[in-house]
Amino acid sequence: MTYSPKSVLFIGGSGIISHASVARAVERGDRVTLLNRGLSSSRPLPDGVETLVANAEDGAAVAAALGGREFDVVAQFRAFTPDHVARDIEQFRGRTGQYVFISTASAYAKPVARLPITEATPLVNPFWEYSRNKIACEDLLIAALRNEGFPATIVRPSHTYDRTLIPTTGGWTDVARMRAGKPVIVHGDGTTQWTLTHTRDFAVGFVGLLGHPQAVGDTFQITGTHAPTWNHIYRWLAAAAGVAEPELVHIASETIARVLPDDGPGLLGDKAHSVTFDCAKVKALVPEFGTTIGYDQGAIEQVAWYDANPAEQKIDEARDAAFDHLAAWARST
């Protein structure tokens, strides 16, 4: 069957999750428009992409940038609160055949009562406001779907990364510590499983749903099946950085959250728990979707990018000091 190209509006489009999806949509022949703030990015856009400049959180600015245009698909990567989604429902009612909202797998109740997680797993997160807001956004879209047929599709990614987003608690600070022979802090005992999805793998599933008539009115998690333990993740990162035997210091998640309170909601409400996912639903519509890039490979890609871009090798001094404090505390107990 010959593919019929779609007109696709990406709100966002140059971020960690979205940029690979933009590239894939262009590759399959879609007419792609990006709406974002027009800031410089380390992720160049492919040729042929139209860009519109507006702050996605400013409803009036978005309306002015779009005028009266219509799109086959609107992919919303930059909505994080229900009031934003409510504006989108007003903005795109009758002007798109599919509105795709990027929610989050962190919305699922933790600890998960039964693995693997499916789209039917309850959405409850008392720890993290970000997740609760995404749940509220989903509720608005489901109500609009039921009450007026608003053509919503909800997508829940888990921890999606690219060459820039190191998944450990310290990011590049952890790499610098390992290379300096300093210990790195791992939450819990390091044996919980954590699903990591490379952005290029995510793009296969995501773009496959754009314009798919059976995706409208439904919810899909796009996560892949790669679920290493945190100990594996840190050791793969160390190996990519040329460190044969990293010193991993295991600290209770609750203790880390007390020392690094900004990390607490995401840690206690998500990363501290084992998460694996059933991706049968998205694969039923997009059979080519699957995990092709494991983090053993992804870590090599990340360290190579940082080594080639020294200006990006930023050490968080406050976090570095907190890690020293936690390591010293662990040795003394």
C-alpha atoms as a PDB file:
ATOM      1  CA  MET A   1       0.000   0.000   0.000  1.00  0.00           C
ATOM      2  CA  THR A   2       1.344   3.440  -0.918  1.00  0.00           C
ATOM      3  CA  TYR A   3       1.800   5.732   2.080  1.00  0.00           C
ATOM      4  CA  SER A   4      -0.074   9.031   1.938  1.00  0.00           C
ATOM      5  CA  PRO A   5       2.062  11.781   3.544  1.00  0.00           C
ATOM      6  CA  LYS A   6       0.535  13.678   6.448  1.00  0.00           C
ATOM      7  CA  SER A   7       0.815  17.299   7.519  1.00  0.00           C
ATOM      8  CA  VAL A   8       2.222  17.082  11.050  1.00  0.00           C
ATOM      9  CA  LEU A   9       2.662  19.900  13.556  1.00  0.00           C
ATOM     10  CA  PHE A  10       5.206  19.190  16.277  1.00  0.00           C
ATOM     11  CA  ILE A  11       4.868  21.496  19.264  1.00  0.00           C
ATOM     12  CA  GLY A  12       8.412  21.220  20.529  1.00  0.00           C
ATOM     13  CA  GLY A  13      10.449  19.059  18.200  1.00  0.00           C
ATOM     14  CA  SER A  14      14.059  19.768  19.099  1.00  0.00           C
ATOM     15  CA  GLY A  15      14.099  18.046  22.487  1.00  0.00           C
ATOM     16  CA  ILE A  16      15.500  14.764  23.746  1.00  0.00           C
ATOM     17  CA  ILE A  17      12.380  12.756  22.976  1.00  0.00           C
ATOM     18  CA  SER A  18      11.035  14.617  19.970  1.00  0.00           C
ATOM     19  CA  HIS A  19      13.951  15.365  17.656  1.00  0.00           C
ATOM     20  CA  ALA A  20      14.384  11.795  16.414  1.00  0.00           C
ATOM     21  CA  SER A  21      10.642  11.596  15.772  1.00  0.00           C
ATOM     22  CA  VAL A  22      10.804  14.745  13.645  1.00  0.00           C
ATOM     23  CA  ALA A  23      13.608  13.194  11.597  1.00  0.00           C
ATOM     24  CA  ARG A  24      11.684   9.943  11.126  1.00  0.00           C
ATOM     25  CA  ALA A  25       8.505  11.756  10.085  1.00  0.00           C
ATOM     26  CA  VAL A  26      10.501  13.657   7.468  1.00  0.00           C
ATOM     27  CA  GLU A  27      12.085  10.416   6.258  1.00  0.00           C
ATOM     28  CA  ARG A  28       8.699   8.811   5.656  1.00  0.00           C
ATOM     29  CA  GLY A  29       7.601  11.834   3.611  1.00  0.00           C
ATOM     30  CA  ASP A  30       5.406  13.794   6.009  1.00  0.00           C
ATOM     31  CA  ARG A  31       5.108  17.567   5.698  1.00  0.00           C
ATOM     32  CA  VAL A  32       6.517  18.597   9.059  1.00  0.00           C
ATOM     33  CA  THR A  33       6.059  21.930  10.824  1.00  0.00           C
ATOM     34  CA  LEU A  34       7.712  22.742  14.161  1.00  0.00           C
ATOM     35  CA  LEU A  35       6.442  25.306  16.603  1.00  0.00           C
ATOM     36  CA  ASN A  36       8.852  26.231  19.381  1.00  0.00           C
ATOM     37  CA  ARG A  37      10.733  29.180  20.824  1.00  0.00           C
ATOM     38  CA  GLY A  38      13.344  29.116  18.073  1.00  0.00           C
ATOM     39  CA  LEU A  39      16.263  28.732  20.455  1.00  0.00           C
ATOM     40  CA  SER A  40      19.551  27.245  19.309  1.00  0.00           C
ATOM     41  CA  SER A  41      19.900  23.519  19.855  1.00  0.00           C
ATOM     42  CA  SER A  42      22.589  20.867  19.683  1.00  0.00           C
ATOM     43  CA  ARG A  43      20.102  18.796  17.684  1.00  0.00           C
ATOM     44  CA  PRO A  44      19.932  20.160  14.127  1.00  0.00           C
ATOM     45  CA  LEU A  45      16.672  19.915  12.226  1.00  0.00           C
ATOM     46  CA  PRO A  46      16.496  17.912   9.009  1.00  0.00           C
ATOM     47  CA  ASP A  47      16.093  19.729   5.732  1.00  0.00           C
ATOM     48  CA  GLY A  48      12.575  20.509   4.666  1.00  0.00           C
ATOM     49  CA  VAL A  49      11.132  21.255   8.105  1.00  0.00           C
ATOM     50  CA  GLU A  50       9.040  24.410   8.396  1.00  0.00           C
ATOM     51  CA  THR A  51       9.513  26.319  11.657  1.00  0.00           C
ATOM     52  CA  LEU A  52       7.152  28.655  13.463  1.00  0.00           C
ATOM     53  CA  VAL A  53       8.362  30.659  16.459  1.00  0.00           C
ATOM     54  CA  ALA A  54       6.204  31.032  19.567  1.00  0.00           C
ATOM     55  CA  ASN A  55       6.292  30.103  23.237  1.00  0.00           C
ATOM     56  CA  ALA A  56       4.174  26.950  23.390  1.00  0.00           C
ATOM     57  CA  GLU A  57       2.847  27.986  26.813  1.00  0.00           C
ATOM     58  CA  ASP A  58       1.500  31.307  25.482  1.00  0.00           C
ATOM     59  CA  GLY A  59      -1.869  30.496  23.959  1.00  0.00           C
ATOM     60  CA  ALA A  60      -2.216  33.863  22.206  1.00  0.00           C
ATOM     61  CA  ALA A  61       1.259  33.577  20.671  1.00  0.00           C
ATOM     62  CA  VAL A  62       0.518  30.059  19.428  1.00  0.00           C
ATOM     63  CA  ALA A  63      -2.782  31.179  17.903  1.00  0.00           C
ATOM     64  CA  ALA A  64      -1.052  34.076  16.141  1.00  0.00           C
ATOM     65  CA  ALA A  65       1.723  31.829  14.783  1.00  0.00           C
ATOM     66  CA  LEU A  66      -0.728  29.228  13.459  1.00  0.00           C
ATOM     67  CA  GLY A  67      -3.378  31.547  12.088  1.00  0.00           C
ATOM     68  CA  GLY A  68      -6.168  29.442  10.678  1.00  0.00           C
ATOM     69  CA  ARG A  69      -3.997  26.511   9.598  1.00  0.00           C
ATOM     70  CA  GLU A  70      -5.125  22.912   9.922  1.00  0.00           C
ATOM     71  CA  PHE A  71      -3.009  19.765  10.276  1.00  0.00           C
ATOM     72  CA  ASP A  72      -3.620  16.068   9.886  1.00  0.00           C
ATOM     73  CA  VAL A  73      -1.735  15.510  13.159  1.00  0.00           C
ATOM     74  CA  VAL A  74      -0.724  17.727  16.075  1.00  0.00           C
ATOM     75  CA  ALA A  75       1.977  16.207  18.309  1.00  0.00           C
ATOM     76  CA  GLN A  76       2.145  18.071  21.622  1.00  0.00           C
ATOM     77  CA  PHE A  77       5.461  17.610  23.445  1.00  0.00           C
ATOM     78  CA  ARG A  78       5.354  20.804  25.519  1.00  0.00           C
ATOM     79  CA  ALA A  79       2.129  20.608  27.560  1.00  0.00           C
ATOM     80  CA  PHE A  80       2.625  19.822  31.245  1.00  0.00           C
ATOM     81  CA  THR A  81      -0.470  21.231  32.946  1.00  0.00           C
ATOM     82  CA  PRO A  82      -4.226  20.786  32.432  1.00  0.00           C
ATOM     83  CA  ASP A  83      -4.795  24.464  31.687  1.00  0.00           C
ATOM     84  CA  HIS A  84      -2.416  24.163  28.719  1.00  0.00           C
ATOM     85  CA  VAL A  85      -4.242  21.085  27.430  1.00  0.00           C
ATOM     86  CA  ALA A  86      -7.572  22.874  27.859  1.00  0.00           C
ATOM     87  CA  ARG A  87      -6.260  25.684  25.620  1.00  0.00           C
ATOM     88  CA  ASP A  88      -5.122  23.108  23.073  1.00  0.00           C
ATOM     89  CA  ILE A  89      -8.564  21.513  22.966  1.00  0.00           C
ATOM     90  CA  GLU A  90     -10.025  24.922  22.144  1.00  0.00           C
ATOM     91  CA  GLN A  91      -7.192  25.709  19.711  1.00  0.00           C
ATOM     92  CA  PHE A  92      -7.324  22.501  17.683  1.00  0.00           C
ATOM     93  CA  ARG A  93     -10.987  21.520  17.874  1.00  0.00           C
ATOM     94  CA  GLY A  94     -12.055  20.862  14.277  1.00  0.00           C
ATOM     95  CA  ARG A  95      -8.562  21.660  12.957  1.00  0.00           C
ATOM     96  CA  THR A  96      -6.798  18.316  13.229  1.00  0.00           C
ATOM     97  CA  GLY A  97      -7.562  14.673  12.648  1.00  0.00           C
ATOM     98  CA  GLN A  98      -5.397  13.576  15.585  1.00  0.00           C
ATOM     99  CA  TYR A  99      -4.039  15.328  18.665  1.00  0.00           C
ATOM    100  CA  VAL A 100      -1.192  13.331  20.224  1.00  0.00           C
ATOM    101  CA  PHE A 101      -0.401  14.173  23.832  1.00  0.00           C
ATOM    102  CA  ILE A 102       2.898  13.149  25.380  1.00  0.00           C
ATOM    103  CA  SER A 103       2.129  11.954  28.881  1.00  0.00           C
ATOM    104  CA  THR A 104       4.497   9.898  31.051  1.00  0.00           C
ATOM    105  CA  ALA A 105       4.946   6.388  32.378  1.00  0.00           C
ATOM    106  CA  SER A 106       5.883   7.958  35.717  1.00  0.00           C
ATOM    107  CA  ALA A 107       2.139   8.437  36.183  1.00  0.00           C
ATOM    108  CA  TYR A 108       1.689   4.728  36.930  1.00  0.00           C
ATOM    109  CA  ALA A 109       1.216   3.786  40.578  1.00  0.00           C
ATOM    110  CA  LYS A 110       4.467   2.859  42.357  1.00  0.00           C
ATOM    111  CA  PRO A 111       5.390   0.384  43.567  1.00  0.00           C
ATOM    112  CA  VAL A 112       3.650  -1.442  40.756  1.00  0.00           C
ATOM    113  CA  ALA A 113       1.368  -4.183  42.029  1.00  0.00           C
ATOM    114  CA  ARG A 114       1.913  -6.349  38.966  1.00  0.00           C
ATOM    115  CA  LEU A 115       4.563  -6.365  36.277  1.00  0.00           C
ATOM    116  CA  PRO A 116       4.838  -5.821  33.401  1.00  0.00           C
ATOM    117  CA  ILE A 117       3.047  -2.491  33.336  1.00  0.00           C
ATOM    118  CA  THR A 118       0.274  -2.185  30.766  1.00  0.00           C
ATOM    119  CA  GLU A 119      -1.804   0.785  29.674  1.00  0.00           C
ATOM    120  CA  ALA A 120      -4.450  -0.398  32.176  1.00  0.00           C
ATOM    121  CA  THR A 121      -2.144  -0.062  35.190  1.00  0.00           C
ATOM    122  CA  PRO A 122      -3.654   2.553  37.553  1.00  0.00           C
ATOM    123  CA  LEU A 123      -2.416   6.135  37.298  1.00  0.00           C
ATOM    124  CA  VAL A 124      -1.553   7.299  40.819  1.00  0.00           C
ATOM    125  CA  ASN A 125       1.539   9.225  41.909  1.00  0.00           C
ATOM    126  CA  PRO A 126       1.364  10.974  45.308  1.00  0.00           C
ATOM    127  CA  PHE A 127       5.099  11.762  45.201  1.00  0.00           C
ATOM    128  CA  TRP A 128       5.534  13.854  42.058  1.00  0.00           C
ATOM    129  CA  GLU A 129       3.500  16.890  40.967  1.00  0.00           C
ATOM    130  CA  TYR A 130       4.781  16.541  37.395  1.00  0.00           C
ATOM    131  CA  SER A 131       3.129  13.122  37.141  1.00  0.00           C
ATOM    132  CA  ARG A 132      -0.088  14.262  38.793  1.00  0.00           C
ATOM    133  CA  ASN A 133      -0.355  17.126  36.299  1.00  0.00           C
ATOM    134  CA  LYS A 134       0.105  14.727  33.400  1.00  0.00           C
ATOM    135  CA  ILE A 135      -2.669  12.526  34.820  1.00  0.00           C
ATOM    136  CA  ALA A 136      -4.939  15.580  35.018  1.00  0.00           C
ATOM    137  CA  CYS A 137      -4.091  16.391  31.387  1.00  0.00           C
ATOM    138  CA  GLU A 138      -5.067  12.855  30.362  1.00  0.00           C
ATOM    139  CA  ASP A 139      -8.360  13.181  32.252  1.00  0.00           C
ATOM    140  CA  LEU A 140      -9.212  16.335  30.295  1.00  0.00           C
ATOM    141  CA  LEU A 141      -8.468  14.694  26.970  1.00  0.00           C
ATOM    142  CA  ILE A 142     -10.475  11.574  27.793  1.00  0.00           C
ATOM    143  CA  ALA A 143     -13.438  13.747  28.775  1.00  0.00           C
ATOM    144  CA  ALA A 144     -13.138  15.718  25.514  1.00  0.00           C
ATOM    145  CA  LEU A 145     -12.932  12.461  23.568  1.00  0.00           C
ATOM    146  CA  ARG A 146     -16.052  11.076  25.227  1.00  0.00           C
ATOM    147  CA  ASN A 147     -18.096  14.252  25.215  1.00  0.00           C
ATOM    148  CA  GLU A 148     -17.304  15.672  21.797  1.00  0.00           C
ATOM    149  CA  GLY A 149     -15.178  13.166  19.904  1.00  0.00           C
ATOM    150  CA  PHE A 150     -11.964  15.181  20.233  1.00  0.00           C
ATOM    151  CA  PRO A 151      -9.428  12.999  18.358  1.00  0.00           C
ATOM    152  CA  ALA A 152      -6.933  12.452  21.183  1.00  0.00           C
ATOM    153  CA  THR A 153      -4.162   9.873  21.298  1.00  0.00           C
ATOM    154  CA  ILE A 154      -2.213   9.580  24.554  1.00  0.00           C
ATOM    155  CA  VAL A 155       1.389   8.358  24.517  1.00  0.00           C
ATOM    156  CA  ARG A 156       3.289   7.399  27.666  1.00  0.00           C
ATOM    157  CA  PRO A 157       7.069   7.216  27.270  1.00  0.00           C
ATOM    158  CA  SER A 158       9.269   6.045  30.109  1.00  0.00           C
ATOM    159  CA  HIS A 159      12.926   7.118  30.507  1.00  0.00           C
ATOM    160  CA  THR A 160      13.794   8.139  26.949  1.00  0.00           C
ATOM    161  CA  TYR A 161      17.324   9.354  26.321  1.00  0.00           C
ATOM    162  CA  ASP A 162      19.629  10.557  23.570  1.00  0.00           C
ATOM    163  CA  ARG A 163      23.354  11.246  23.436  1.00  0.00           C
ATOM    164  CA  THR A 164      22.979  14.210  25.811  1.00  0.00           C
ATOM    165  CA  LEU A 165      20.873  12.739  28.643  1.00  0.00           C
ATOM    166  CA  ILE A 166      22.909  10.488  30.941  1.00  0.00           C
ATOM    167  CA  PRO A 167      20.307   8.620  33.023  1.00  0.00           C
ATOM    168  CA  THR A 168      22.159   8.360  36.341  1.00  0.00           C
ATOM    169  CA  THR A 169      21.484  10.618  39.312  1.00  0.00           C
ATOM    170  CA  GLY A 170      24.563  12.747  38.677  1.00  0.00           C
ATOM    171  CA  GLY A 171      24.671  12.753  34.884  1.00  0.00           C
ATOM    172  CA  TRP A 172      28.049  13.986  33.664  1.00  0.00           C
ATOM    173  CA  THR A 173      29.076  14.584  37.285  1.00  0.00           C
ATOM    174  CA  ASP A 174      28.984  10.809  37.754  1.00  0.00           C
ATOM    175  CA  VAL A 175      31.273  10.281  34.763  1.00  0.00           C
ATOM    176  CA  ALA A 176      33.733  12.858  36.072  1.00  0.00           C
ATOM    177  CA  ARG A 177      33.701  11.217  39.505  1.00  0.00           C
ATOM    178  CA  MET A 178      34.336   7.762  38.064  1.00  0.00           C
ATOM    179  CA  ARG A 179      37.204   9.034  35.944  1.00  0.00           C
ATOM    180  CA  ALA A 180      38.661  10.717  39.040  1.00  0.00           C
ATOM    181  CA  GLY A 181      38.455   7.480  41.019  1.00  0.00           C
ATOM    182  CA  LYS A 182      35.724   8.826  43.285  1.00  0.00           C
ATOM    183  CA  PRO A 183      32.693   6.782  44.369  1.00  0.00           C
ATOM    184  CA  VAL A 184      29.312   7.260  42.723  1.00  0.00           C
ATOM    185  CA  ILE A 185      26.020   7.009  44.579  1.00  0.00           C
ATOM    186  CA  VAL A 186      23.475   4.403  43.455  1.00  0.00           C
ATOM    187  CA  HIS A 187      20.012   4.415  44.976  1.00  0.00           C
ATOM    188  CA  GLY A 188      18.877   1.306  46.824  1.00  0.00           C
ATOM    189  CA  ASP A 189      20.941  -1.824  46.274  1.00  0.00           C
ATOM    190  CA  GLY A 190      21.171  -1.213  42.522  1.00  0.00           C
ATOM    191  CA  THR A 191      19.213  -4.347  41.594  1.00  0.00           C
ATOM    192  CA  THR A 192      15.885  -2.763  40.645  1.00  0.00           C
ATOM    193  CA  GLN A 193      15.172  -2.877  36.925  1.00  0.00           C
ATOM    194  CA  TRP A 194      14.782   0.348  34.979  1.00  0.00           C
ATOM    195  CA  THR A 195      13.488   0.581  31.421  1.00  0.00           C
ATOM    196  CA  LEU A 196      15.576   2.810  29.152  1.00  0.00           C
ATOM    197  CA  THR A 197      14.473   3.739  25.637  1.00  0.00           C
ATOM    198  CA  HIS A 198      16.741   5.323  23.070  1.00  0.00           C
ATOM    199  CA  THR A 199      15.054   8.220  21.293  1.00  0.00           C
ATOM    200  CA  ARG A 200      15.574   6.582  17.874  1.00  0.00           C
ATOM    201  CA  ASP A 201      13.696   3.484  19.047  1.00  0.00           C
ATOM    202  CA  PHE A 202      10.940   5.641  20.538  1.00  0.00           C
ATOM    203  CA  ALA A 203      10.620   7.461  17.217  1.00  0.00           C
ATOM    204  CA  VAL A 204       9.738   4.262  15.385  1.00  0.00           C
ATOM    205  CA  GLY A 205       6.734   3.597  17.606  1.00  0.00           C
ATOM    206  CA  PHE A 206       5.686   7.214  17.912  1.00  0.00           C
ATOM    207  CA  VAL A 207       5.769   8.149  14.233  1.00  0.00           C
ATOM    208  CA  GLY A 208       4.063   4.879  13.391  1.00  0.00           C
ATOM    209  CA  LEU A 209       1.050   6.078  15.393  1.00  0.00           C
ATOM    210  CA  LEU A 210       0.855   9.493  13.708  1.00  0.00           C
ATOM    211  CA  GLY A 211      -2.064   9.520  11.347  1.00  0.00           C
ATOM    212  CA  HIS A 212      -2.917   5.892  12.122  1.00  0.00           C
ATOM    213  CA  PRO A 213      -6.727   5.712  12.264  1.00  0.00           C
ATOM    214  CA  GLN A 214      -6.698   2.956  14.892  1.00  0.00           C
ATOM    215  CA  ALA A 215      -4.566   5.068  17.222  1.00  0.00           C
ATOM    216  CA  VAL A 216      -7.132   7.843  17.581  1.00  0.00           C
ATOM    217  CA  GLY A 217      -9.022   7.635  20.863  1.00  0.00           C
ATOM    218  CA  ASP A 218      -6.538   5.285  22.485  1.00  0.00           C
ATOM    219  CA  THR A 219      -3.529   5.235  24.820  1.00  0.00           C
ATOM    220  CA  PHE A 220      -0.123   3.680  24.145  1.00  0.00           C
ATOM    221  CA  GLN A 221       3.036   3.270  26.181  1.00  0.00           C
ATOM    222  CA  ILE A 222       6.183   3.443  24.039  1.00  0.00           C
ATOM    223  CA  THR A 223       9.035   2.147  26.153  1.00  0.00           C
ATOM    224  CA  GLY A 224      10.696  -0.909  24.676  1.00  0.00           C
ATOM    225  CA  THR A 225      11.778  -3.961  26.628  1.00  0.00           C
ATOM    226  CA  HIS A 226      15.331  -3.024  27.672  1.00  0.00           C
ATOM    227  CA  ALA A 227      15.240  -3.068  31.493  1.00  0.00           C
ATOM    228  CA  PRO A 228      18.732  -3.408  32.989  1.00  0.00           C
ATOM    229  CA  THR A 229      19.429  -2.986  36.685  1.00  0.00           C
ATOM    230  CA  TRP A 230      20.856   0.295  37.931  1.00  0.00           C
ATOM    231  CA  ASN A 231      24.107  -1.511  38.707  1.00  0.00           C
ATOM    232  CA  HIS A 232      24.339  -2.484  35.028  1.00  0.00           C
ATOM    233  CA  ILE A 233      23.561   1.081  33.954  1.00  0.00           C
ATOM    234  CA  TYR A 234      26.339   2.577  36.090  1.00  0.00           C
ATOM    235  CA  ARG A 235      28.840  -0.079  35.060  1.00  0.00           C
ATOM    236  CA  TRP A 236      28.083   0.348  31.347  1.00  0.00           C
ATOM    237  CA  LEU A 237      28.549   4.088  31.773  1.00  0.00           C
ATOM    238  CA  ALA A 238      31.857   3.484  33.554  1.00  0.00           C
ATOM    239  CA  ALA A 239      33.049   1.132  30.821  1.00  0.00           C
ATOM    240  CA  ALA A 240      32.187   3.713  28.158  1.00  0.00           C
ATOM    241  CA  ALA A 241      34.212   6.265  30.154  1.00  0.00           C
ATOM    242  CA  GLY A 242      37.206   3.919  30.310  1.00  0.00           C
ATOM    243  CA  VAL A 243      36.778   3.001  33.985  1.00  0.00           C
ATOM    244  CA  ALA A 244      37.111  -0.743  34.543  1.00  0.00           C
ATOM    245  CA  GLU A 245      36.016  -0.950  38.195  1.00  0.00           C
ATOM    246  CA  PRO A 246      33.815   1.933  39.359  1.00  0.00           C
ATOM    247  CA  GLU A 247      33.146   2.262  43.079  1.00  0.00           C
ATOM    248  CA  LEU A 248      29.389   2.024  43.499  1.00  0.00           C
ATOM    249  CA  VAL A 249      28.107   3.127  46.902  1.00  0.00           C
ATOM    250  CA  HIS A 250      24.537   2.030  47.545  1.00  0.00           C
ATOM    251  CA  ILE A 251      22.362   4.386  49.582  1.00  0.00           C
ATOM    252  CA  ALA A 252      18.680   4.109  50.478  1.00  0.00           C
ATOM    253  CA  SER A 253      16.510   6.200  48.176  1.00  0.00           C
ATOM    254  CA  GLU A 254      14.900   7.933  51.161  1.00  0.00           C
ATOM    255  CA  THR A 255      18.323   9.036  52.398  1.00  0.00           C
ATOM    256  CA  ILE A 256      19.299  10.424  49.006  1.00  0.00           C
ATOM    257  CA  ALA A 257      15.977  12.275  48.868  1.00  0.00           C
ATOM    258  CA  ARG A 258      16.727  13.944  52.212  1.00  0.00           C
ATOM    259  CA  VAL A 259      20.155  15.107  51.046  1.00  0.00           C
ATOM    260  CA  LEU A 260      18.997  16.017  47.519  1.00  0.00           C
ATOM    261  CA  PRO A 261      15.357  17.058  48.064  1.00  0.00           C
ATOM    262  CA  ASP A 262      14.832  18.162  44.460  1.00  0.00           C
ATOM    263  CA  ASP A 263      15.517  14.560  43.409  1.00  0.00           C
ATOM    264  CA  GLY A 264      13.066  13.103  45.911  1.00  0.00           C
ATOM    265  CA  PRO A 265       9.800  13.176  43.899  1.00  0.00           C
ATOM    266  CA  GLY A 266      11.280  11.529  40.787  1.00  0.00           C
ATOM    267  CA  LEU A 267      13.292   9.062  42.829  1.00  0.00           C
ATOM    268  CA  LEU A 268      10.660   7.957  45.343  1.00  0.00           C
ATOM    269  CA  GLY A 269       7.797   8.249  42.860  1.00  0.00           C
ATOM    270  CA  ASP A 270       9.515   6.477  39.974  1.00  0.00           C
ATOM    271  CA  LYS A 271      13.185   5.464  39.769  1.00  0.00           C
ATOM    272  CA  ALA A 272      13.364   3.603  43.078  1.00  0.00           C
ATOM    273  CA  HIS A 273      10.995   0.941  41.776  1.00  0.00           C
ATOM    274  CA  SER A 274      11.417  -1.802  39.191  1.00  0.00           C
ATOM    275  CA  VAL A 275       9.531  -1.003  36.014  1.00  0.00           C
ATOM    276  CA  THR A 276       9.067  -3.235  32.999  1.00  0.00           C
ATOM    277  CA  PHE A 277       6.475  -2.711  30.286  1.00  0.00           C
ATOM    278  CA  ASP A 278       4.259  -4.697  27.954  1.00  0.00           C
ATOM    279  CA  CYS A 279       4.500  -3.025  24.527  1.00  0.00           C
ATOM    280  CA  ALA A 280       2.093  -5.356  22.725  1.00  0.00           C
ATOM    281  CA  LYS A 281      -0.434  -2.601  22.126  1.00  0.00           C
ATOM    282  CA  VAL A 282       1.855  -0.296  20.172  1.00  0.00           C
ATOM    283  CA  LYS A 283       3.473  -3.231  18.352  1.00  0.00           C
ATOM    284  CA  ALA A 284       0.042  -4.345  17.143  1.00  0.00           C
ATOM    285  CA  LEU A 285      -0.212  -1.106  15.147  1.00  0.00           C
ATOM    286  CA  VAL A 286       3.510  -0.552  14.531  1.00  0.00           C
ATOM    287  CA  PRO A 287       5.056  -4.022  14.102  1.00  0.00           C
ATOM    288  CA  GLU A 288       8.510  -2.598  13.345  1.00  0.00           C
ATOM    289  CA  PHE A 289       8.758  -1.032  16.804  1.00  0.00           C
ATOM    290  CA  GLY A 290      11.141  -2.658  19.259  1.00  0.00           C
ATOM    291  CA  THR A 291      14.319  -2.203  21.245  1.00  0.00           C
ATOM    292  CA  THR A 292      17.340  -2.110  18.950  1.00  0.00           C
ATOM    293  CA  ILE A 293      19.681   0.066  21.056  1.00  0.00           C
ATOM    294  CA  GLY A 294      20.608  -1.103  24.555  1.00  0.00           C
ATOM    295  CA  TYR A 295      22.220   1.183  27.076  1.00  0.00           C
ATOM    296  CA  ASP A 296      25.532  -0.647  26.743  1.00  0.00           C
ATOM    297  CA  GLN A 297      25.592   0.962  23.286  1.00  0.00           C
ATOM    298  CA  GLY A 298      23.827   4.152  24.348  1.00  0.00           C
ATOM    299  CA  ALA A 299      26.426   4.867  27.043  1.00  0.00           C
ATOM    300  CA  ILE A 300      29.218   4.674  24.458  1.00  0.00           C
ATOM    301  CA  GLU A 301      27.340   7.163  22.268  1.00  0.00           C
ATOM    302  CA  GLN A 302      26.835   9.527  25.208  1.00  0.00           C
ATOM    303  CA  VAL A 303      30.419   9.547  26.493  1.00  0.00           C
ATOM    304  CA  ALA A 304      31.744   9.988  22.945  1.00  0.00           C
ATOM    305  CA  TRP A 305      29.487  13.022  22.466  1.00  0.00           C
ATOM    306  CA  TYR A 306      30.559  14.622  25.744  1.00  0.00           C
ATOM    307  CA  ASP A 307      34.219  13.932  25.016  1.00  0.00           C
ATOM    308  CA  ALA A 308      33.779  15.637  21.643  1.00  0.00           C
ATOM    309  CA  ASN A 309      32.013  18.599  23.300  1.00  0.00           C
ATOM    310  CA  PRO A 310      34.079  19.642  26.340  1.00  0.00           C
ATOM    311  CA  ALA A 311      31.909  22.700  26.928  1.00  0.00           C
ATOM    312  CA  GLU A 312      29.039  20.347  27.819  1.00  0.00           C
ATOM    313  CA  GLN A 313      31.062  18.598  30.535  1.00  0.00           C
ATOM    314  CA  LYS A 314      29.480  20.566  33.362  1.00  0.00           C
ATOM    315  CA  ILE A 315      30.033  19.339  36.915  1.00  0.00           C
ATOM    316  CA  ASP A 316      27.273  20.160  39.374  1.00  0.00           C
ATOM    317  CA  GLU A 317      29.356  21.280  42.341  1.00  0.00           C
ATOM    318  CA  ALA A 318      26.515  21.119  44.864  1.00  0.00           C
ATOM    319  CA  ARG A 319      25.591  17.622  43.739  1.00  0.00           C
ATOM    320  CA  ASP A 320      29.245  16.581  43.718  1.00  0.00           C
ATOM    321  CA  ALA A 321      29.581  17.738  47.333  1.00  0.00           C
ATOM    322  CA  ALA A 322      26.378  15.919  48.272  1.00  0.00           C
ATOM    323  CA  PHE A 323      27.767  12.710  46.773  1.00  0.00           C
ATOM    324  CA  ASP A 324      30.968  13.137  48.816  1.00  0.00           C
ATOM    325  CA  HIS A 325      28.838  13.591  51.943  1.00  0.00           C
ATOM    326  CA  LEU A 326      26.736  10.500  51.205  1.00  0.00           C
ATOM    327  CA  ALA A 327      29.783   8.370  50.448  1.00  0.00           C
ATOM    328  CA  ALA A 328      31.488   9.460  53.667  1.00  0.00           C
ATOM    329  CA  TRP A 329      28.293   8.765  55.635  1.00  0.00           C
ATOM    330  CA  ALA A 330      28.052   5.285  54.103  1.00  0.00           C
ATOM    331  CA  ARG A 331      31.647   4.490  55.072  1.00  0.00           C
ATOM    332  CA  SER A 332      31.053   5.583  58.652  1.00  0.00           C
ATOM    333  CA  THR A 333      27.942   3.487  59.235  1.00  0.00           C
END
